[in-house]
């Protein structure tokens, strides 16, 4: 299951997992039907399907889990990718609208919580599973004027650490993937401060180049595969060496 899997970086996650043989539920607030059809043409009729939902709404999350189990029979991997970021504008902490703060927290941290609440019982029953929470290098850098987003991603890191302790006895691994600034389609189109951040972020890296969605896929597949079976509670930063975890 890939939340936010129809657009932007999530689209690349869905395609990469399908290419490795996974059957992918593309779960997004936008319609992922066309992407599911594209993946099905490339990797077989039962390789992907799509479900349109709001990750912050518990009833809709329940519907997604029910549909996924009906279609595929079980859930091996959950990628908590859905988040509000690209449409957020830089704003001083004292000027953040309270309703927007609540919306960011609702999607970026309540969303992963609701997904785990309703997916983990099925993984517990099967005594296996992989949960990959998508955070951000901004949680380590503490960038200004994005307090709502950075706070939510810092919470994702803490969420992973606590959850990994709780689910370890059930052989379920829980890890965080923390991307740097990625030049994805939605990022370039929508992020108000993208151009302003691009050069300084690139200069902060050990590898002095821009980052693209493809740079994340090896780490994602690794965390979803049996190769990472004895790794849990960790954050893997994929950002060209901009931060050190």
Foldseek 3Di string as FASTA:
>chain_A
DQEVLQFWLNVVQLLLCLVVPAQDEYEYLDWNAVSQVVSCVVRNVRRYDYDHDQLLDLVRLLVSVVVCCVSPVAAAEYELDWFDDLQDAQAAPVPDDPVVLVVRLSNLPSSVVSNCVNRVVRLLVVLHHFYEYEAAPCLVVVDHRPVSRNVSRVVSLVVQQVVQVVCVVSLYAGEYEHEYDAPIPSNVVGHPCNVVVQQVLLVLAPNNDHHHSVQRSVVSVCRSDPVCSPDHSYYDYRYRHNDDD
